[in-house]
Amino acid sequence: MDFEKIYAKLPDSIKYNNYILDFFLKIPKKLQNLNKKSNQLNSQNQLLDLLFTSCDIKIKGNLRNVQLLYIELLRFVDNVCKKHDIDYWLEGGTLIGAVRHGGFIPWDDDIDLSIMRKDYEKLIKVLPEEISKYEYFKENCGLSLLIENQKNYFEGFRSVYDVDDENGFLDDNKFSFLQIAWLKPYVKIDLFPKDYLLEEKLESFKKDYVSTKYKFNQDVKNGKKVFWNEFNVVKKELGLVNTKTKYFADSIDVLQLTSDLIYETDKIFPLKTIKFEGYEFKCPKDIEHTLEVQFGKNFMHIPNVIENHSLVPFIEHQFSSFEEMDKSFSKSISYLKEINDNFDFE
C-alpha cells in the first residue's frame, strides 16, 4: 500500500494536522516491523514443522505416562468393539498422529473416536457389561452419557466428571455423547456419534446445523427438553437418519459448535486399520479425505496455532506428590494392560 500517495490526496485542512502527519510518517515503519515479525514467526513455524514431521521425537515424563494410560484404555474399547462386532475409527488429532507420527502427536493428551449411530447404541449397551466384569476397573472407571439436567444415563457407574475439579477444568467441558474415563490419573476418551444425512438436506444442514444443535443441547442441559423425547425430532428436522446414505455428519449430541462437517460414506467405509503406538486400530478407508474435511489440505504440517492442552496440570493436582502420581500411573497402566493382554473374546 502506497501511503505517500494516500497522504498526497488528503485535503489540506487535515493533511498538515500534527496527528495525521505523525500517523503517516510512522505507519510504514510499523508495518515493516510487523512484516519482519511475521517472517520470523513463519521461519520458526517452518523449523518446528521440519522437526516434528521428519524427526522421531520421544516424549517423556508425565505427558508420556498420560499417553501410555490412554493407549490401554483405547485397547480396552477396541477389544470390546472387536468382541461385539462394532465398528469405530480414530478421528481428529488422534488420526493425524497415527498418520504423521505413528502414534500421538508429540504434545497431544487426548483420544477421539468416531462411531456410526447403530454401533454407538450397541456400544452403550455392552460397554458397561464388559467393564463390570472387573471390580477394580469399575471402581476407577467413569462412564457417562449425559441426558436432561446433565443426569448420567448409566446407573451404578461413576460419571467421567466425578473427580475433584476445583479449577473448573471439567465443568467447562461437559458433553452429552458417550465418554469413558480412568478417573485417577485422569484420562478420558470421547466417542463421537455420526448419523447419515439425506442428500436433499445438504444445504439446509450446513445453514441450520450449528444453531439447532446448540439450542437442543442447551435445552437438554437446562432441563427444558427431555433428551429421548426430542432427540429424534430434531434429527429429522436436520435430515439426519439411521439408514445408510451417500453422506454422514456429526449428530446433534456432539456439542462442537463448529463441526458442521460432512463426509462421503464411501470414502470412510469399509474401514481399514492403522498402526498407533505399536497397535492396530480402525481408521477410515480414505484417510486423506477424512483429514482434509476436518483440517484442510495442510493436515500433514504443524499448525501455526496449537490448541491448549491442559490435562497434565490437572492430573498433577490430583496427587500430593510426584512420587504418588508416578506409582498411580504405573499401577493403572499395568492393570489395564493385563486385562487387554488377556481379554476374553468369548
Protein backbone atom coordinates (compact mmCIF):
# COMPACT_ATOMS: atom_id res chain seq x y z
CA MET A 1 0.00 0.00 0.00
CA ASP A 2 1.47 3.41 -1.05
CA PHE A 3 0.86 5.65 1.94
CA GLU A 4 2.60 8.62 0.30
CA LYS A 5 0.01 8.66 -2.49
CA ILE A 6 -2.83 8.34 0.00
CA TYR A 7 -1.39 11.20 2.07
CA ALA A 8 -0.98 13.39 -1.01
CA LYS A 9 -4.69 13.06 -1.81
CA LEU A 10 -5.79 14.26 1.62
CA PRO A 11 -7.33 17.76 1.80
CA ASP A 12 -5.03 20.48 3.13
CA SER A 13 -7.39 21.00 6.08
CA ILE A 14 -6.25 17.72 7.63
CA LYS A 15 -3.04 16.95 5.74
CA TYR A 16 -0.95 19.18 8.00
CA ASN A 17 -2.60 18.19 11.24
CA ASN A 18 0.17 17.02 13.59
CA TYR A 19 -1.62 13.79 14.48
CA ILE A 20 -2.32 12.91 10.85
CA LEU A 21 1.20 13.75 9.78
CA ASP A 22 2.66 11.72 12.64
CA PHE A 23 0.45 8.75 11.71
CA PHE A 24 1.51 8.69 8.06
CA LEU A 25 5.16 9.10 8.97
CA LYS A 26 5.14 6.21 11.43
CA ILE A 27 2.76 3.68 9.87
CA PRO A 28 5.16 2.41 7.12
CA LYS A 29 7.79 1.69 9.76
CA LYS A 30 5.26 -0.11 11.96
CA LEU A 31 4.09 -2.24 9.04
CA GLN A 32 7.69 -3.03 8.17
CA ASN A 33 8.27 -4.23 11.75
CA LEU A 34 5.10 -6.32 11.65
CA ASN A 35 6.18 -7.95 8.40
CA LYS A 36 9.58 -8.67 9.92
CA LYS A 37 7.97 -10.31 12.97
CA SER A 38 5.61 -12.25 10.73
CA ASN A 39 8.55 -13.54 8.69
CA GLN A 40 10.34 -14.55 11.89
CA LEU A 41 7.26 -16.43 13.10
CA ASN A 42 6.88 -18.15 9.74
CA SER A 43 10.54 -19.20 9.85
CA GLN A 44 10.14 -20.57 13.37
CA ASN A 45 6.99 -22.43 12.36
CA GLN A 46 8.74 -23.92 9.33
CA LEU A 47 11.59 -25.09 11.57
CA LEU A 48 9.15 -26.68 14.03
CA ASP A 49 7.29 -28.26 11.13
CA LEU A 50 10.53 -29.78 9.85
CA LEU A 51 11.45 -31.08 13.31
CA PHE A 52 8.08 -32.63 14.12
CA THR A 53 7.41 -34.15 10.71
CA SER A 54 10.87 -35.51 9.95
CA CYS A 55 12.32 -36.37 13.36
CA ASP A 56 11.43 -39.22 15.70
CA ILE A 57 10.62 -37.17 18.80
CA LYS A 58 10.30 -39.15 22.02
CA ILE A 59 8.01 -37.74 24.70
CA LYS A 60 8.96 -38.40 28.31
CA GLY A 61 7.69 -37.63 31.79
CA ASN A 62 4.09 -37.07 32.85
CA LEU A 63 2.78 -36.46 29.34
CA ARG A 64 4.16 -39.79 28.17
CA ASN A 65 2.55 -41.53 31.15
CA VAL A 66 -0.75 -39.93 30.17
CA GLN A 67 -0.35 -41.24 26.62
CA LEU A 68 0.54 -44.76 27.79
CA LEU A 69 -2.53 -44.88 30.05
CA TYR A 70 -4.66 -43.63 27.16
CA ILE A 71 -3.37 -46.45 24.96
CA GLU A 72 -4.52 -49.11 27.42
CA LEU A 73 -7.95 -47.51 27.78
CA LEU A 74 -8.21 -47.36 23.99
CA ARG A 75 -7.13 -51.01 23.71
CA PHE A 76 -9.95 -51.96 26.08
CA VAL A 77 -12.54 -50.09 24.00
CA ASP A 78 -11.07 -51.68 20.87
CA ASN A 79 -11.27 -55.17 22.40
CA VAL A 80 -14.90 -54.65 23.39
CA CYS A 81 -15.69 -53.47 19.86
CA LYS A 82 -13.93 -56.47 18.30
CA LYS A 83 -15.78 -58.88 20.57
CA HIS A 84 -19.19 -57.42 19.75
CA ASP A 85 -18.55 -56.69 16.05
CA ILE A 86 -18.73 -52.92 16.48
CA ASP A 87 -17.09 -50.50 14.05
CA TYR A 88 -15.42 -47.29 15.22
CA TRP A 89 -12.46 -45.32 13.90
CA LEU A 90 -9.73 -42.95 15.01
CA GLU A 91 -10.52 -39.34 14.22
CA GLY A 92 -9.21 -35.80 14.60
CA GLY A 93 -5.81 -35.30 16.16
CA THR A 94 -5.60 -38.99 17.02
CA LEU A 95 -5.82 -39.93 13.33
CA ILE A 96 -3.34 -37.21 12.36
CA GLY A 97 -0.96 -38.57 14.97
CA ALA A 98 -1.28 -42.09 13.56
CA VAL A 99 -0.54 -40.88 10.02
CA ARG A 100 2.13 -38.31 10.81
CA HIS A 101 3.86 -39.81 13.84
CA GLY A 102 2.74 -43.44 14.09
CA GLY A 103 1.17 -42.56 17.43
CA PHE A 104 0.35 -39.50 19.45
CA ILE A 105 1.09 -36.02 18.16
CA PRO A 106 4.01 -35.17 20.48
CA TRP A 107 2.04 -32.68 22.58
CA ASP A 108 -1.33 -34.47 22.46
CA ASP A 109 -3.15 -35.55 25.61
CA ASP A 110 -6.45 -36.97 24.40
CA ILE A 111 -8.00 -39.58 22.11
CA ASP A 112 -11.00 -39.07 19.84
CA LEU A 113 -13.07 -41.82 18.22
CA SER A 114 -15.97 -41.74 15.77
CA ILE A 115 -18.76 -44.28 15.53
CA MET A 116 -21.96 -44.60 13.50
CA ARG A 117 -25.28 -44.46 15.34
CA LYS A 118 -26.16 -48.17 15.11
CA ASP A 119 -22.79 -49.23 16.53
CA TYR A 120 -22.87 -46.38 19.03
CA GLU A 121 -26.14 -47.62 20.53
CA LYS A 122 -24.76 -51.15 20.66
CA LEU A 123 -21.62 -49.97 22.46
CA ILE A 124 -23.72 -48.07 25.01
CA LYS A 125 -25.30 -51.42 25.90
CA VAL A 126 -22.23 -53.69 26.00
CA LEU A 127 -19.52 -51.38 27.34
CA PRO A 128 -20.87 -51.23 30.92
CA GLU A 129 -21.36 -55.01 30.86
CA GLU A 130 -17.72 -55.58 29.92
CA ILE A 131 -16.39 -53.08 32.46
CA SER A 132 -18.45 -54.68 35.23
CA LYS A 133 -16.50 -57.93 34.83
CA TYR A 134 -13.53 -56.23 36.51
CA GLU A 135 -14.24 -54.92 40.00
CA TYR A 136 -11.23 -52.60 40.27
CA PHE A 137 -11.88 -51.30 36.75
CA LYS A 138 -15.47 -50.41 37.61
CA GLU A 139 -14.38 -48.69 40.83
CA ASN A 140 -11.91 -46.50 38.96
CA CYS A 141 -13.85 -46.03 35.74
CA GLY A 142 -16.05 -43.13 34.75
CA LEU A 143 -18.76 -43.80 32.17
CA SER A 144 -21.04 -41.01 31.02
CA LEU A 145 -23.87 -40.27 28.65
CA LEU A 146 -25.46 -37.05 29.89
CA ILE A 147 -29.18 -36.55 29.34
CA GLU A 148 -31.59 -33.92 30.71
CA ASN A 149 -30.32 -31.80 33.60
CA GLN A 150 -26.91 -33.41 32.98
CA LYS A 151 -28.11 -36.65 34.57
CA ASN A 152 -25.93 -39.65 33.76
CA TYR A 153 -27.70 -42.32 31.70
CA PHE A 154 -25.57 -45.08 33.24
CA GLU A 155 -26.78 -46.18 36.66
CA GLY A 156 -24.30 -47.79 39.04
CA PHE A 157 -21.33 -46.09 37.36
CA ARG A 158 -19.38 -43.05 38.36
CA SER A 159 -19.52 -40.17 35.90
CA VAL A 160 -16.43 -39.11 33.96
CA TYR A 161 -16.92 -35.81 35.82
CA ASP A 162 -16.87 -37.47 39.26
CA VAL A 163 -13.45 -36.13 40.26
CA ASP A 164 -12.19 -33.16 42.28
CA ASP A 165 -12.29 -30.21 39.92
CA GLU A 166 -11.55 -27.09 41.95
CA ASN A 167 -10.39 -25.12 38.90
CA GLY A 168 -13.45 -25.97 36.80
CA PHE A 169 -11.45 -27.82 34.14
CA LEU A 170 -14.20 -30.40 33.60
CA ASP A 171 -17.20 -28.19 34.38
CA ASP A 172 -16.41 -26.19 31.27
CA ASN A 173 -16.31 -29.31 29.11
CA LYS A 174 -19.44 -31.35 29.86
CA PHE A 175 -20.90 -33.06 26.82
CA SER A 176 -23.79 -35.41 26.14
CA PHE A 177 -22.05 -38.03 23.98
CA LEU A 178 -20.55 -41.28 25.25
CA GLN A 179 -17.35 -40.88 27.26
CA ILE A 180 -15.21 -43.35 29.18
CA ALA A 181 -12.54 -42.29 31.66
CA TRP A 182 -9.97 -43.70 34.02
CA LEU A 183 -10.55 -41.34 36.92
CA LYS A 184 -7.16 -41.25 38.66
CA PRO A 185 -4.81 -40.48 36.97
CA TYR A 186 -7.44 -38.87 34.77
CA VAL A 187 -7.72 -39.74 31.08
CA LYS A 188 -10.93 -39.66 29.04
CA ILE A 189 -11.89 -40.98 25.61
CA ASP A 190 -14.64 -39.27 23.62
CA LEU A 191 -16.79 -41.31 21.23
CA PHE A 192 -18.46 -39.04 18.68
CA PRO A 193 -21.68 -40.46 17.19
CA LYS A 194 -22.32 -39.92 13.48
CA ASP A 195 -25.62 -40.03 11.60
CA TYR A 196 -26.32 -40.44 7.91
CA LEU A 197 -27.52 -37.30 6.13
CA LEU A 198 -30.21 -37.07 3.44
CA GLU A 199 -28.75 -35.68 0.22
CA GLU A 200 -31.65 -33.26 -0.29
CA LYS A 201 -30.89 -31.75 3.13
CA LEU A 202 -27.23 -30.95 2.45
CA GLU A 203 -27.59 -27.18 2.01
CA SER A 204 -30.11 -26.63 4.80
CA PHE A 205 -27.97 -28.78 7.10
CA LYS A 206 -24.95 -26.54 6.53
CA LYS A 207 -27.07 -23.49 7.32
CA ASP A 208 -29.02 -24.75 10.35
CA TYR A 209 -26.87 -27.43 11.98
CA VAL A 210 -24.74 -25.44 14.43
CA SER A 211 -27.52 -23.24 15.82
CA THR A 212 -30.05 -26.10 16.01
CA LYS A 213 -27.60 -28.40 17.75
CA TYR A 214 -26.53 -25.74 20.23
CA LYS A 215 -30.12 -24.90 21.18
CA PHE A 216 -31.02 -28.58 21.58
CA ASN A 217 -28.06 -29.27 23.86
CA GLN A 218 -28.69 -26.16 25.95
CA ASP A 219 -32.39 -27.05 26.36
CA VAL A 220 -31.49 -30.60 27.44
CA LYS A 221 -28.76 -29.35 29.76
CA ASN A 222 -31.17 -26.94 31.45
CA GLY A 223 -34.00 -29.49 31.65
CA LYS A 224 -36.26 -27.67 29.19
CA LYS A 225 -36.37 -30.74 26.98
CA VAL A 226 -36.24 -34.46 27.70
CA PHE A 227 -33.34 -35.90 25.71
CA TRP A 228 -35.01 -39.02 24.35
CA ASN A 229 -38.30 -37.22 23.59
CA GLU A 230 -36.73 -34.52 21.44
CA PHE A 231 -33.67 -36.22 20.04
CA ASN A 232 -35.26 -37.92 17.01
CA VAL A 233 -37.48 -34.91 16.30
CA VAL A 234 -34.52 -32.56 15.98
CA LYS A 235 -32.53 -35.12 13.99
CA LYS A 236 -35.38 -35.40 11.50
CA GLU A 237 -35.55 -31.62 11.09
CA LEU A 238 -31.89 -31.58 10.07
CA GLY A 239 -32.17 -34.59 7.75
CA LEU A 240 -30.13 -36.94 9.95
CA VAL A 241 -31.21 -40.57 9.64
CA ASN A 242 -30.11 -44.06 10.72
CA THR A 243 -30.32 -45.70 7.29
CA LYS A 244 -27.25 -45.59 5.07
CA THR A 245 -26.99 -42.67 2.62
CA LYS A 246 -24.27 -41.09 0.50
CA TYR A 247 -23.22 -38.70 3.28
CA PHE A 248 -22.95 -38.55 7.05
CA ALA A 249 -22.10 -35.96 9.71
CA ASP A 250 -21.72 -35.42 13.44
CA SER A 251 -25.02 -35.89 15.20
CA ILE A 252 -26.73 -33.33 17.43
CA ASP A 253 -25.45 -34.92 20.64
CA VAL A 254 -21.90 -33.93 19.69
CA LEU A 255 -21.60 -30.42 21.08
CA GLN A 256 -18.79 -29.00 18.99
CA LEU A 257 -20.11 -25.69 17.75
CA THR A 258 -18.12 -25.59 14.53
CA SER A 259 -18.44 -29.22 13.49
CA ASP A 260 -20.82 -28.85 10.54
CA LEU A 261 -18.54 -31.22 8.63
CA ILE A 262 -19.95 -33.60 6.04
CA TYR A 263 -18.24 -36.84 4.99
CA GLU A 264 -18.74 -39.08 1.97
CA THR A 265 -19.76 -42.53 3.20
CA ASP A 266 -17.86 -44.48 0.55
CA LYS A 267 -14.68 -42.57 1.41
CA ILE A 268 -14.85 -43.82 5.01
CA PHE A 269 -16.16 -47.38 4.61
CA PRO A 270 -15.15 -50.13 4.60
CA LEU A 271 -12.78 -49.27 7.41
CA LYS A 272 -9.17 -50.41 7.41
CA THR A 273 -6.53 -50.38 10.16
CA ILE A 274 -3.58 -48.17 11.01
CA LYS A 275 -0.74 -48.56 13.48
CA PHE A 276 -0.94 -46.28 16.50
CA GLU A 277 1.66 -46.61 19.28
CA GLY A 278 2.51 -50.14 18.16
CA TYR A 279 -1.08 -51.44 17.97
CA GLU A 280 -3.54 -51.71 15.08
CA PHE A 281 -6.74 -49.68 15.32
CA LYS A 282 -9.52 -48.95 12.86
CA CYS A 283 -9.37 -45.92 10.59
CA PRO A 284 -11.22 -44.57 7.51
CA LYS A 285 -10.66 -46.15 4.11
CA ASP A 286 -9.62 -42.79 2.64
CA ILE A 287 -7.65 -41.13 5.41
CA GLU A 288 -6.71 -38.15 3.26
CA HIS A 289 -10.37 -37.33 2.56
CA THR A 290 -11.24 -37.52 6.25
CA LEU A 291 -8.41 -35.28 7.40
CA GLU A 292 -8.92 -32.77 4.59
CA VAL A 293 -12.57 -32.40 5.63
CA GLN A 294 -11.51 -31.72 9.21
CA PHE A 295 -8.25 -29.80 8.84
CA GLY A 296 -7.76 -28.76 5.22
CA LYS A 297 -5.08 -29.83 2.75
CA ASN A 298 -2.14 -28.96 5.04
CA PHE A 299 -3.01 -31.51 7.72
CA MET A 300 0.44 -33.11 7.48
CA HIS A 301 2.08 -29.89 8.66
CA ILE A 302 2.30 -28.46 12.16
CA PRO A 303 -0.43 -25.80 12.62
CA ASN A 304 0.52 -22.16 13.21
CA VAL A 305 -1.63 -22.20 16.35
CA ILE A 306 -1.52 -25.24 18.64
CA GLU A 307 -4.58 -25.84 20.80
CA ASN A 308 -4.15 -25.60 24.54
CA HIS A 309 -3.67 -29.00 26.18
CA SER A 310 -4.04 -28.75 29.95
CA LEU A 311 -4.63 -32.33 31.12
CA VAL A 312 -1.19 -32.86 32.67
CA PRO A 313 -1.51 -29.92 35.13
CA PHE A 314 -5.00 -31.19 36.03
CA ILE A 315 -3.61 -34.66 36.81
CA GLU A 316 -0.74 -33.22 38.83
CA HIS A 317 -3.31 -31.55 41.09
CA GLN A 318 -4.87 -34.96 41.78
CA PHE A 319 -1.83 -36.07 43.78
CA SER A 320 0.06 -34.80 46.81
CA SER A 321 3.45 -35.70 45.33
CA PHE A 322 5.07 -36.67 42.04
CA GLU A 323 6.10 -39.97 43.60
CA GLU A 324 2.46 -40.80 44.40
CA MET A 325 1.45 -39.84 40.87
CA ASP A 326 4.17 -41.99 39.26
CA LYS A 327 3.10 -45.01 41.32
CA SER A 328 -0.53 -44.48 40.34
CA PHE A 329 0.36 -44.25 36.65
CA SER A 330 2.43 -47.43 36.86
CA LYS A 331 -0.29 -49.37 38.70
CA SER A 332 -3.09 -48.18 36.38
CA ILE A 333 -1.19 -48.86 33.16
CA SER A 334 -0.11 -52.32 34.33
CA TYR A 335 -3.63 -53.21 35.48
CA LEU A 336 -5.30 -52.27 32.20
CA LYS A 337 -2.51 -53.85 30.16
CA GLU A 338 -3.07 -57.14 31.99
CA ILE A 339 -6.79 -57.01 31.14
CA ASN A 340 -6.09 -56.22 27.49
CA ASP A 341 -3.38 -58.83 27.03
CA ASN A 342 -5.72 -61.50 28.41
CA PHE A 343 -9.04 -60.14 27.16
CA ASP A 344 -11.86 -62.68 27.00
CA PHE A 345 -13.30 -62.58 23.49
CA GLU A 346 -15.72 -65.44 24.14
